[in-house]
């Protein structure tokens, strides 16, 4: 008997494609939509039968152990099943059955390709995110997490997955190992999955910034974010044929106090580039998700105003813009360099290594 032959003379023929997870794991509603009654389903799941009861209301249509992808699909079917009051509504045969649920936490990071998260096939627990109003219990290998406001899911293959920032926060919430937390956050920024500010924002929303395992990891995250942003700036200058600047220098008036450091400076044109690789401070008690006023921002703004009063053009670039639109940012810098000829000469400043 092959996977495509009927398992019982009275059982409707099911399209069991070995390469298609969605046809190997089905919910009770999906089986009903295919003409399989509850009694027929129970008969197939008897000891020694060809099917298995994977999760409440979710069935594995072969006798062997489930693969990692089958477990993920099953977790979403379990979390996505409608409330009891709505379960009698007919489901179409093509209905994915996920509802609003999405994979999050370490499982989501594994789907995104995080080396630190390990292989999908080795996951012992799968976190799924559902609306806060859902009455659904964690069971077996599925951990149910609730959100007051659901994020927009990202499709990774056929699966709905929480955005990287949210998946990171959920993974960190379930991890007490400081080394593991640091590796996860550092990999997220180093490999270009997201920006540090977005991660800090999610960690603040989850009230995780005060955890001992997180405090030092955030410092490593910001340092990694700074290094990645600088590398993107160097690449932008080279790849778009901009004149070579003086890198990482401090500006100073002759005989005066320091004016501050900049990431790149073209002395002939009096144009400076400054990267904003800082992350806002979050987590004010009682003000969920709102940023405190960062005194470093005030210092950066004051420095910029001072330089511009001296006739120095300061171009402010964000790591996100360098990642997503480096050509556009190169145009901004080139325009500032070309406009130097039409400006009044800038005040003379000393340029020192930083």
Protein backbone atom coordinates (compact mmCIF):
# COMPACT_ATOMS: atom_id res chain seq x y z
CA UNK A 1 0.00 0.00 0.00
CA UNK A 2 1.37 3.44 -0.94
CA UNK A 3 0.64 6.83 0.63
CA UNK A 4 -1.75 7.67 -2.20
CA UNK A 5 -3.99 4.59 -1.83
CA UNK A 6 -7.12 4.70 0.33
CA UNK A 7 -6.48 3.54 3.90
CA UNK A 8 -9.96 2.01 4.24
CA UNK A 9 -12.68 1.09 1.72
CA UNK A 10 -14.99 3.55 3.47
CA UNK A 11 -12.42 6.33 3.87
CA UNK A 12 -12.48 9.09 1.21
CA UNK A 13 -9.38 9.23 -0.93
CA UNK A 14 -6.99 11.84 0.51
CA UNK A 15 -4.22 13.55 -1.47
CA UNK A 16 -1.24 12.48 0.66
CA UNK A 17 1.82 13.95 -1.03
CA UNK A 18 5.03 12.97 0.77
CA UNK A 19 6.68 16.28 -0.12
CA UNK A 20 3.76 18.44 1.08
CA UNK A 21 3.56 18.94 4.86
CA UNK A 22 0.11 20.53 4.55
CA UNK A 23 -1.25 17.19 3.29
CA UNK A 24 0.48 15.10 5.97
CA UNK A 25 -0.85 17.07 8.95
CA UNK A 26 -4.53 18.04 9.04
CA UNK A 27 -6.93 19.41 11.61
CA UNK A 28 -10.25 17.77 12.44
CA UNK A 29 -12.03 20.56 10.56
CA UNK A 30 -9.91 20.00 7.47
CA UNK A 31 -10.58 16.27 7.58
CA UNK A 32 -14.31 16.92 7.84
CA UNK A 33 -14.05 19.24 4.82
CA UNK A 34 -12.50 16.31 2.93
CA UNK A 35 -15.37 14.01 3.87
CA UNK A 36 -13.71 12.17 6.77
CA UNK A 37 -16.00 11.78 9.78
CA UNK A 38 -14.87 11.90 13.40
CA UNK A 39 -15.51 8.16 13.71
CA UNK A 40 -13.39 7.40 10.67
CA UNK A 41 -10.59 9.60 12.01
CA UNK A 42 -10.66 7.82 15.38
CA UNK A 43 -10.53 4.44 13.65
CA UNK A 44 -7.42 5.41 11.72
CA UNK A 45 -5.71 6.51 14.96
CA UNK A 46 -6.19 3.22 16.84
CA UNK A 47 -3.00 1.52 18.09
CA UNK A 48 -1.12 0.17 15.09
CA UNK A 49 -3.21 2.32 12.74
CA UNK A 50 -1.86 4.43 9.89
CA UNK A 51 -2.59 7.82 11.52
CA UNK A 52 -1.58 9.52 14.79
CA UNK A 53 -3.17 12.00 17.15
CA UNK A 54 -0.43 14.67 17.07
CA UNK A 55 -2.14 17.42 19.11
CA UNK A 56 -5.69 18.07 20.28
CA UNK A 57 -7.73 18.30 17.09
CA UNK A 58 -4.64 17.76 14.88
CA UNK A 59 -3.69 14.51 13.13
CA UNK A 60 -0.53 13.16 11.53
CA UNK A 61 -1.45 11.06 8.49
CA UNK A 62 1.41 8.58 8.65
CA UNK A 63 2.69 6.20 11.34
CA UNK A 64 6.27 7.45 11.68
CA UNK A 65 7.61 10.20 13.98
CA UNK A 66 6.74 13.77 12.92
CA UNK A 67 9.38 15.89 11.25
CA UNK A 68 10.22 19.35 12.50
CA UNK A 69 8.15 20.93 9.74
CA UNK A 70 5.20 18.69 10.58
CA UNK A 71 5.43 19.73 14.24
CA UNK A 72 5.49 23.40 13.21
CA UNK A 73 2.49 22.94 10.93
CA UNK A 74 0.66 21.02 13.64
CA UNK A 75 1.39 23.69 16.25
CA UNK A 76 -0.11 26.36 14.00
CA UNK A 77 -3.19 24.23 13.30
CA UNK A 78 -3.67 23.68 17.03
CA UNK A 79 -3.22 27.38 17.88
CA UNK A 80 -5.23 28.54 14.89
CA UNK A 81 -8.34 26.44 15.44
CA UNK A 82 -11.40 28.64 15.94
CA UNK A 83 -13.12 29.00 19.34
CA UNK A 84 -15.58 26.23 20.25
CA UNK A 85 -18.52 28.47 19.38
CA UNK A 86 -17.29 28.77 15.78
CA UNK A 87 -16.01 25.24 15.12
CA UNK A 88 -19.13 24.08 13.37
CA UNK A 89 -18.49 26.57 10.55
CA UNK A 90 -17.40 24.63 7.44
CA UNK A 91 -13.73 24.85 6.48
CA UNK A 92 -12.72 24.71 2.84
CA UNK A 93 -10.33 21.94 1.78
CA UNK A 94 -7.69 24.56 0.93
CA UNK A 95 -8.01 26.40 4.26
CA UNK A 96 -4.57 26.57 5.92
CA UNK A 97 -6.28 26.54 9.32
CA UNK A 98 -3.76 28.85 11.03
CA UNK A 99 -6.18 31.66 11.93
CA UNK A 100 -4.18 34.56 13.38
CA UNK A 101 -1.55 32.33 14.97
CA UNK A 102 2.12 32.58 14.06
CA UNK A 103 5.39 30.92 15.07
CA UNK A 104 7.54 32.98 17.42
CA UNK A 105 10.48 32.57 19.81
CA UNK A 106 13.38 30.24 19.10
CA UNK A 107 11.37 28.28 16.53
CA UNK A 108 10.80 31.44 14.49
CA UNK A 109 14.49 32.35 14.69
CA UNK A 110 15.38 28.87 13.45
CA UNK A 111 13.09 29.43 10.46
CA UNK A 112 14.85 32.76 9.81
CA UNK A 113 18.15 30.89 9.71
CA UNK A 114 19.69 31.90 13.04
CA UNK A 115 22.64 29.59 13.71
CA UNK A 116 22.23 30.22 17.45
CA UNK A 117 18.65 28.94 17.35
CA UNK A 118 19.68 25.54 15.99
CA UNK A 119 17.98 23.33 13.44
CA UNK A 120 14.22 23.21 12.98
CA UNK A 121 14.30 19.42 13.26
CA UNK A 122 15.87 19.61 16.73
CA UNK A 123 13.30 21.91 18.35
CA UNK A 124 11.93 20.57 21.62
CA UNK A 125 9.40 23.39 22.01
CA UNK A 126 7.48 25.51 19.54
CA UNK A 127 6.18 28.91 20.66
CA UNK A 128 3.06 30.16 18.91
CA UNK A 129 1.64 33.65 19.27
CA UNK A 130 -2.13 34.11 19.49
CA UNK A 131 -4.46 37.02 20.37
CA UNK A 132 -4.82 37.62 24.09
CA UNK A 133 -8.54 36.81 23.97
CA UNK A 134 -7.96 33.20 22.85
CA UNK A 135 -8.65 30.55 25.51
CA UNK A 136 -6.04 28.04 24.56
CA UNK A 137 -3.69 26.01 26.72
CA UNK A 138 -0.11 25.03 26.07
CA UNK A 139 0.17 21.31 25.39
CA UNK A 140 2.86 18.76 24.59
CA UNK A 141 5.52 20.55 22.53
CA UNK A 142 3.42 23.69 21.92
CA UNK A 143 3.81 26.76 24.15
CA UNK A 144 1.02 29.29 23.66
CA UNK A 145 2.00 32.97 24.03
CA UNK A 146 -0.60 35.74 23.99
CA UNK A 147 -0.34 39.25 22.59
CA UNK A 148 -2.58 42.22 23.29
CA UNK A 149 -1.78 43.48 19.80
CA UNK A 150 -0.73 40.94 17.20
CA UNK A 151 2.18 41.93 14.92
CA UNK A 152 1.98 41.51 11.17
CA UNK A 153 3.19 38.02 10.34
CA UNK A 154 6.06 37.38 7.92
CA UNK A 155 5.75 34.41 5.56
CA UNK A 156 8.74 32.09 5.74
CA UNK A 157 7.93 29.47 3.16
CA UNK A 158 4.34 28.48 3.83
CA UNK A 159 4.41 29.40 7.54
CA UNK A 160 3.34 32.65 9.24
CA UNK A 161 6.17 33.81 11.50
CA UNK A 162 6.46 36.72 13.93
CA UNK A 163 8.80 39.56 12.85
CA UNK A 164 12.41 39.02 13.92
CA UNK A 165 12.25 41.66 16.66
CA UNK A 166 9.19 40.10 18.28
CA UNK A 167 10.54 36.57 17.90
CA UNK A 168 13.76 37.69 19.61
CA UNK A 169 11.88 39.20 22.54
CA UNK A 170 9.83 36.02 22.98
CA UNK A 171 12.98 33.89 22.76
CA UNK A 172 14.78 36.05 25.33
CA UNK A 173 11.77 35.90 27.67
CA UNK A 174 12.16 32.12 27.80
CA UNK A 175 15.96 32.12 28.21
CA UNK A 176 17.95 32.66 31.42
CA UNK A 177 21.36 31.93 29.88
CA UNK A 178 23.10 35.29 29.44
CA UNK A 179 25.55 33.86 26.89
CA UNK A 180 22.72 32.53 24.74
CA UNK A 181 20.85 35.84 24.93
CA UNK A 182 23.96 37.75 23.87
CA UNK A 183 24.55 35.41 20.93
CA UNK A 184 20.96 35.73 19.73
CA UNK A 185 20.93 39.53 19.87
CA UNK A 186 24.39 39.89 18.32
CA UNK A 187 23.56 37.52 15.46
CA UNK A 188 20.34 39.41 14.74
CA UNK A 189 22.26 42.62 14.04
CA UNK A 190 25.48 41.16 12.61
CA UNK A 191 23.63 39.16 9.97
CA UNK A 192 21.34 42.02 9.00
CA UNK A 193 18.06 40.63 10.32
CA UNK A 194 17.10 43.87 12.10
CA UNK A 195 18.38 47.10 13.64
CA UNK A 196 19.37 47.52 17.32
CA UNK A 197 16.75 50.18 18.07
CA UNK A 198 13.93 47.88 16.94
CA UNK A 199 15.21 45.08 19.18
CA UNK A 200 15.54 47.37 22.20
CA UNK A 201 12.00 48.62 21.60
CA UNK A 202 10.59 45.07 21.61
CA UNK A 203 12.59 44.11 24.70
CA UNK A 204 11.20 47.18 26.44
CA UNK A 205 7.63 46.34 25.38
CA UNK A 206 8.14 42.90 26.95
CA UNK A 207 9.66 44.50 30.10
CA UNK A 208 12.87 42.51 29.69
CA UNK A 209 15.50 45.26 29.76
CA UNK A 210 16.01 44.95 33.51
CA UNK A 211 16.80 41.23 33.46
CA UNK A 212 20.41 40.39 34.40
CA UNK A 213 20.79 38.20 31.31
CA UNK A 214 19.68 41.07 29.07
CA UNK A 215 21.52 44.13 30.43
CA UNK A 216 24.98 43.15 29.22
CA UNK A 217 23.58 41.62 26.04
CA UNK A 218 22.04 44.95 25.01
CA UNK A 219 25.46 46.61 25.33
CA UNK A 220 26.92 43.95 23.02
CA UNK A 221 23.98 44.43 20.66
CA UNK A 222 24.61 48.17 20.38
CA UNK A 223 28.35 47.66 19.87
CA UNK A 224 27.68 45.12 17.12
CA UNK A 225 25.15 47.47 15.55
CA UNK A 226 27.73 50.25 15.51
CA UNK A 227 30.36 48.03 13.85
CA UNK A 228 27.89 46.85 11.19
CA UNK A 229 26.79 50.40 10.43
CA UNK A 230 30.39 51.57 10.03
CA UNK A 231 31.13 48.69 7.65
CA UNK A 232 28.10 49.67 5.55
CA UNK A 233 29.29 53.28 5.47
CA UNK A 234 32.76 52.23 4.24
CA UNK A 235 31.14 50.05 1.58
CA UNK A 236 28.84 52.86 0.45
CA UNK A 237 31.77 55.24 -0.09
CA UNK A 238 33.77 52.65 -2.05
CA UNK A 239 30.97 51.17 -4.13
CA UNK A 240 29.46 54.52 -5.16
CA UNK A 241 32.74 56.22 -6.10
CA UNK A 242 32.69 58.93 -3.43
CA UNK A 243 35.97 60.70 -2.60
CA UNK A 244 37.84 59.03 0.25
CA UNK A 245 37.17 60.93 3.49
CA UNK A 246 39.10 61.08 6.74
CA UNK A 247 37.58 58.33 8.86
CA UNK A 248 36.65 58.56 12.56
CA UNK A 249 38.14 61.92 13.38
CA UNK A 250 37.62 64.59 16.01
CA UNK A 251 37.15 68.23 15.03
CA UNK A 252 38.55 71.06 17.13
CA UNK A 253 38.84 74.83 16.81
CA UNK A 254 42.48 76.00 17.08
CA UNK A 255 43.10 76.70 20.74
CA UNK A 256 39.51 75.85 21.59
CA UNK A 257 37.57 72.95 23.05
CA UNK A 258 36.76 69.83 21.03
CA UNK A 259 33.80 70.12 18.67
CA UNK A 260 33.11 66.39 18.77
CA UNK A 261 33.84 63.34 16.68
CA UNK A 262 32.39 62.43 13.29
CA UNK A 263 32.48 59.17 11.36
CA UNK A 264 33.72 60.66 8.08
CA UNK A 265 34.98 64.13 7.12
CA UNK A 266 35.86 65.77 3.80
CA UNK A 267 37.99 68.78 4.84
CA UNK A 268 38.09 70.42 1.38
CA UNK A 269 34.30 70.52 1.23
CA UNK A 270 33.68 70.85 5.00
CA UNK A 271 31.21 67.97 4.93
CA UNK A 272 30.88 65.53 7.83
CA UNK A 273 28.90 62.29 8.09
CA UNK A 274 27.58 61.12 11.42
CA UNK A 275 26.01 57.72 12.01
CA UNK A 276 23.13 57.40 14.40
CA UNK A 277 23.82 53.94 15.77
CA UNK A 278 22.38 54.77 19.16
CA UNK A 279 19.26 53.09 20.49
CA UNK A 280 16.65 55.11 22.39
CA UNK A 281 16.13 54.38 26.06
CA UNK A 282 12.87 52.65 26.81
CA UNK A 283 10.98 51.17 29.67
CA UNK A 284 9.64 54.06 31.74
CA UNK A 285 7.30 52.47 34.33
CA UNK A 286 3.68 53.11 33.44
CA UNK A 287 4.53 54.34 29.93
CA UNK A 288 4.73 51.10 27.98
CA UNK A 289 6.62 51.47 24.71
CA UNK A 290 7.34 55.20 25.01
CA UNK A 291 10.88 56.50 24.92
CA UNK A 292 12.53 58.54 27.61
CA UNK A 293 14.30 61.66 26.51
CA UNK A 294 17.87 60.55 25.91
CA UNK A 295 20.43 63.14 27.06
CA UNK A 296 22.80 61.80 24.41
CA UNK A 297 20.34 62.98 21.76
CA UNK A 298 20.49 66.52 23.16
CA UNK A 299 24.30 66.40 23.08
CA UNK A 300 24.32 65.18 19.46
CA UNK A 301 21.85 67.89 18.43
CA UNK A 302 23.93 70.59 20.13
CA UNK A 303 27.10 69.35 18.42
CA UNK A 304 25.43 69.36 15.02
CA UNK A 305 24.12 72.90 15.48
CA UNK A 306 27.57 74.12 16.54
CA UNK A 307 29.28 72.56 13.51
CA UNK A 308 26.71 74.00 11.13
CA UNK A 309 27.18 77.48 12.63
CA UNK A 310 30.84 77.09 11.68
CA UNK A 311 29.84 76.33 8.09
CA UNK A 312 30.33 72.55 8.28
CA UNK A 313 27.58 70.50 6.63
CA UNK A 314 26.61 67.53 8.76
CA UNK A 315 24.92 64.61 6.98
CA UNK A 316 23.07 62.38 9.40
CA UNK A 317 22.74 58.73 8.26
CA UNK A 318 20.86 55.93 10.01
CA UNK A 319 21.98 52.28 9.93
CA UNK A 320 18.59 51.26 8.58
CA UNK A 321 18.82 53.64 5.61
CA UNK A 322 22.34 52.44 4.87
CA UNK A 323 21.08 48.86 4.84
CA UNK A 324 17.91 49.45 2.81
CA UNK A 325 18.85 52.34 0.50
CA UNK A 326 22.63 52.77 0.33
CA UNK A 327 22.44 54.25 -3.19
CA UNK A 328 20.03 56.92 -2.00
CA UNK A 329 22.27 57.78 0.95
CA UNK A 330 25.30 58.01 -1.36
CA UNK A 331 23.36 60.53 -3.46
CA UNK A 332 22.68 62.61 -0.35
CA UNK A 333 26.39 62.70 0.53
CA UNK A 334 27.44 63.42 -3.07
CA UNK A 335 24.96 66.31 -3.26
CA UNK A 336 26.38 67.80 -0.06
CA UNK A 337 29.92 67.55 -1.45
CA UNK A 338 28.92 69.18 -4.75
CA UNK A 339 27.08 71.99 -2.97
CA UNK A 340 30.22 72.98 -1.07
CA UNK A 341 31.38 75.24 -3.92
CA UNK A 342 28.26 77.40 -3.53
CA UNK A 343 28.61 77.94 0.21
CA UNK A 344 30.61 80.44 2.19
CA UNK A 345 33.96 79.01 3.28
CA UNK A 346 33.73 77.20 6.59
CA UNK A 347 35.73 78.16 9.65
CA UNK A 348 39.11 76.51 9.91
CA UNK A 349 39.07 73.48 12.17
CA UNK A 350 41.75 71.06 13.25
CA UNK A 351 41.23 67.40 12.37
CA UNK A 352 42.58 64.88 14.87
CA UNK A 353 42.40 61.06 14.95
CA UNK A 354 39.72 59.74 17.27
